[in-house]
Structure formats: structure tokens, C-alpha cells
Protein backbone atom coordinates (compact mmCIF):
# COMPACT_ATOMS: atom_id res chain seq x y z
CA MET A 1 250.40 -144.02 8.79
CA ASN A 2 246.88 -145.50 8.87
CA ARG A 3 245.37 -148.89 8.19
CA GLU A 4 241.74 -149.99 7.91
CA TYR A 5 240.62 -153.12 9.73
CA LEU A 6 237.30 -154.87 9.33
CA VAL A 7 235.29 -154.40 12.55
CA VAL A 8 232.06 -156.17 13.53
CA TYR A 9 229.66 -154.38 15.89
CA GLU A 10 226.98 -156.39 17.69
CA LYS A 11 223.85 -154.86 19.20
CA GLY A 12 223.13 -156.23 22.66
CA ALA A 13 220.14 -155.65 24.91
CA ASN A 14 221.68 -152.56 26.54
CA ASN A 15 224.83 -151.76 24.58
CA TRP A 16 227.00 -152.42 21.56
CA SER A 17 230.17 -154.52 21.43
CA ALA A 18 232.88 -154.66 18.79
CA PHE A 19 235.72 -156.88 17.63
CA SER A 20 238.09 -157.16 14.68
CA PRO A 21 238.90 -160.62 13.29
CA ASP A 22 242.43 -159.43 12.46
CA VAL A 23 243.23 -157.96 15.89
CA LEU A 24 242.55 -160.94 18.12
CA GLY A 25 241.92 -160.25 21.78
CA CYS A 26 240.98 -156.62 21.22
CA GLY A 27 237.38 -155.58 21.70
CA SER A 28 235.25 -152.80 23.06
CA LEU A 29 231.83 -151.83 24.39
CA GLY A 30 229.69 -148.70 24.34
CA GLU A 31 226.17 -147.51 24.96
CA SER A 32 225.74 -146.40 21.33
CA LEU A 33 227.25 -147.42 18.01
CA GLU A 34 229.16 -144.12 17.84
CA GLU A 35 230.60 -144.55 21.35
CA THR A 36 231.55 -148.15 20.60
CA ARG A 37 233.28 -147.09 17.37
CA ALA A 38 235.33 -144.45 19.21
CA ASN A 39 236.17 -146.90 22.02
CA MET A 40 237.16 -149.57 19.51
CA ARG A 41 239.46 -147.21 17.61
CA GLU A 42 241.15 -146.21 20.88
CA ALA A 43 241.44 -149.85 22.02
CA MET A 44 242.92 -150.95 18.70
CA GLU A 45 245.44 -148.11 18.60
CA LEU A 46 246.59 -148.87 22.16
CA TYR A 47 246.79 -152.57 21.34
CA LEU A 48 248.90 -151.86 18.26
CA ILE A 49 251.22 -149.52 20.22
CA GLU A 50 251.82 -152.20 22.86
CA THR A 51 252.35 -154.82 20.14
CA ALA A 52 255.00 -152.62 18.49
CA LYS A 53 256.66 -151.86 21.86
CA ALA A 54 256.94 -155.60 22.49
CA GLY A 55 258.71 -155.98 19.14
CA GLU A 56 255.92 -158.07 17.70
CA PRO A 57 254.57 -157.59 14.16
CA ILE A 58 251.52 -155.41 13.63
CA PRO A 59 248.64 -157.63 12.42
CA ASP A 60 247.84 -157.34 8.73
CA ALA A 61 244.34 -156.30 7.70
CA VAL A 62 243.45 -159.38 5.67
CA THR A 63 239.84 -160.16 6.57
CA THR A 64 237.40 -159.10 3.87
CA LYS A 65 234.26 -160.96 4.94
CA VAL A 66 232.66 -162.35 8.07
CA ASP A 67 230.88 -165.68 8.52
CA PHE A 68 228.27 -164.92 11.18
CA ASN A 69 227.48 -168.63 11.58
CA GLU A 70 231.03 -169.07 12.86
CA PHE A 71 230.51 -166.97 16.01
CA ASP A 72 226.71 -166.76 16.22
CA PRO A 73 225.38 -170.12 14.97
CA GLU A 74 222.02 -169.68 16.74
CA HIS A 75 221.55 -166.19 15.25
CA ALA A 76 220.98 -164.83 18.76
CA THR A 77 222.20 -161.36 17.84
CA LYS A 78 219.67 -159.69 15.59
CA GLN A 79 221.59 -156.58 14.60
CA TYR A 80 225.14 -156.28 13.30
CA PHE A 81 227.05 -153.45 11.71
CA VAL A 82 230.28 -154.10 9.81
CA GLU A 83 232.73 -151.48 8.59
CA TRP A 84 236.32 -150.73 7.72
CA LEU A 85 237.64 -148.79 10.72
CA GLY A 86 240.67 -146.61 10.11
CA VAL A 87 243.26 -146.60 12.88
CA SER A 88 246.63 -144.91 13.25
CA LEU A 89 249.57 -147.29 13.22
CA PRO A 90 252.47 -146.75 15.62
CA GLN A 91 255.77 -145.48 14.25
CA PRO A 92 258.31 -148.25 14.95
CA HIS A 93 261.30 -145.89 15.11
CA SER A 94 259.89 -144.05 18.14
CA PHE A 95 259.98 -147.24 20.24
CA LYS A 96 263.61 -147.94 19.31
CA GLU A 97 264.58 -144.46 20.54
CA GLU A 98 262.74 -145.04 23.86
CA THR A 99 264.50 -148.38 24.37
CA GLN A 100 267.94 -146.93 23.58
CA ALA A 101 267.42 -143.97 25.91
CA ALA A 102 266.50 -146.18 28.89
């Protein structure tokens, strides 16, 4: 099962960074946009697996727009890239089996 989350990529002086407003606390870095995208997908999938293992709900993908003034009021970052990033969602039944077997 897959879900698409809105992801914001920010161009820094020497790298790119990424975050998703719907997956708080999960972010990533990379030297290029492509590397950052791959790192972000991996980070989000690991975050969602650990969330499911902890028995917590998987965050919904509800954000449809970004207010750049909210997190960059001085407009210090000059280049952004925003996309819907598809990630694989964990299968909840597999964590129940692991817990029961332990």
C-alpha cells in the first residue's frame, strides 16, 4: 500500500534538505535533489514503520499547500521544490505477528 505526502525541498549553500508537513520530525539531507528525494523516501518509510510498531496511527496526508512565510519569513532560501512523494506504508498485520511471536 502506498501514500503520497507533500514534501518541501530547500536548496542550501552546499546541499538540499527536505521535510513533510504531515510527517513531523522526519527530514533528510542530500548533496543533490535526487539524493535528497531518495533519502527522504527512506527516512519517511522507516519513520512510518517505527510509528506502526509503536502502535501509533500513521499520519494522514492532508497538507495540500505550503505557506513559505510560515517557516521562511525573511525569504532566506531562494530555491524550493515541492512535490507529492510516494512512500510505501507498513502492513500493520506484520507487526502484530512479530509481537505475538516474541
